[in-house]
Amino acid sequence: MKLLTDLFSTDYGLMSIIGIAFMIGMGVFFIIFFKRKMAEDAVSADIQQAGAPVKQPNLDTVTPQ
């Protein structure tokens, strides 16, 4: 019980709570940010791949058998 009293009533306890909450918030932000950027990159790669010309084989050099 003394631990919780110290955690919520002292300056170092409150700074610890603030620091932990800040780090958890940063982690959540970065997870959401990176997932959004990866999804955008996947969409742009799909669009770029769909718009690229398809490489056709050169039929002039093929010899009949």
Protein backbone atom coordinates (compact mmCIF):
# COMPACT_ATOMS: atom_id res chain seq x y z
CA MET A 1 0.00 0.00 0.00
CA LYS A 2 2.90 2.32 0.71
CA LEU A 3 4.08 1.71 -2.85
CA LEU A 4 0.83 3.03 -4.37
CA THR A 5 0.80 5.96 -1.96
CA ASP A 6 4.34 6.90 -2.99
CA LEU A 7 3.55 6.38 -6.67
CA PHE A 8 0.56 8.74 -6.73
CA SER A 9 1.54 11.30 -4.09
CA THR A 10 5.23 12.04 -4.60
CA ASP A 11 6.84 14.03 -7.37
CA TYR A 12 9.07 11.16 -8.49
CA GLY A 13 6.10 8.79 -8.49
CA LEU A 14 4.03 11.11 -10.67
CA MET A 15 6.95 11.64 -13.04
CA SER A 16 7.30 7.86 -13.31
CA ILE A 17 3.62 7.52 -14.22
CA ILE A 18 3.91 10.34 -16.75
CA GLY A 19 7.04 8.78 -18.27
CA ILE A 20 5.44 5.33 -18.55
CA ALA A 21 2.25 6.78 -20.07
CA PHE A 22 4.30 8.83 -22.54
CA MET A 23 6.31 5.80 -23.67
CA ILE A 24 3.18 3.68 -24.11
CA GLY A 25 1.56 6.52 -26.06
CA MET A 26 4.62 6.83 -28.30
CA GLY A 27 4.56 3.09 -28.93
CA VAL A 28 0.90 3.16 -29.96
CA PHE A 29 1.48 6.20 -32.18
CA PHE A 30 4.44 4.61 -33.96
CA ILE A 31 2.60 1.32 -34.51
CA ILE A 32 -0.34 3.14 -36.10
CA PHE A 33 1.96 5.46 -38.08
CA PHE A 34 4.11 2.65 -39.49
CA LYS A 35 1.13 0.44 -40.32
CA ARG A 36 -0.48 3.33 -42.22
CA LYS A 37 2.73 4.07 -44.13
CA MET A 38 3.21 0.39 -45.00
CA ALA A 39 -0.36 0.22 -46.33
CA GLU A 40 0.17 3.36 -48.42
CA ASP A 41 3.41 1.94 -49.80
CA ALA A 42 1.71 -1.34 -50.69
CA VAL A 43 -1.04 0.51 -52.55
CA SER A 44 1.44 2.68 -54.44
CA ALA A 45 3.51 -0.40 -55.34
CA ASP A 46 0.39 -2.15 -56.65
CA ILE A 47 -0.53 0.90 -58.72
CA GLN A 48 3.01 1.22 -60.05
CA GLN A 49 3.16 -2.49 -60.88
CA ALA A 50 -0.23 -2.40 -62.62
CA GLY A 51 0.79 0.62 -64.69
CA ALA A 52 4.13 -0.83 -65.78
CA PRO A 53 4.25 -2.21 -69.30
CA VAL A 54 4.29 -5.98 -69.59
CA LYS A 55 7.51 -7.27 -71.09
CA GLN A 56 6.69 -9.27 -74.21
CA PRO A 57 9.10 -11.88 -75.56
CA ASN A 58 10.75 -11.02 -78.85
CA LEU A 59 9.15 -13.42 -81.34
CA ASP A 60 11.42 -12.38 -84.21
CA THR A 61 14.41 -14.29 -82.85
CA VAL A 62 12.54 -17.54 -82.17
CA THR A 63 13.41 -20.22 -84.73
CA PRO A 64 10.66 -22.66 -85.73
CA GLN A 65 11.23 -26.31 -84.97
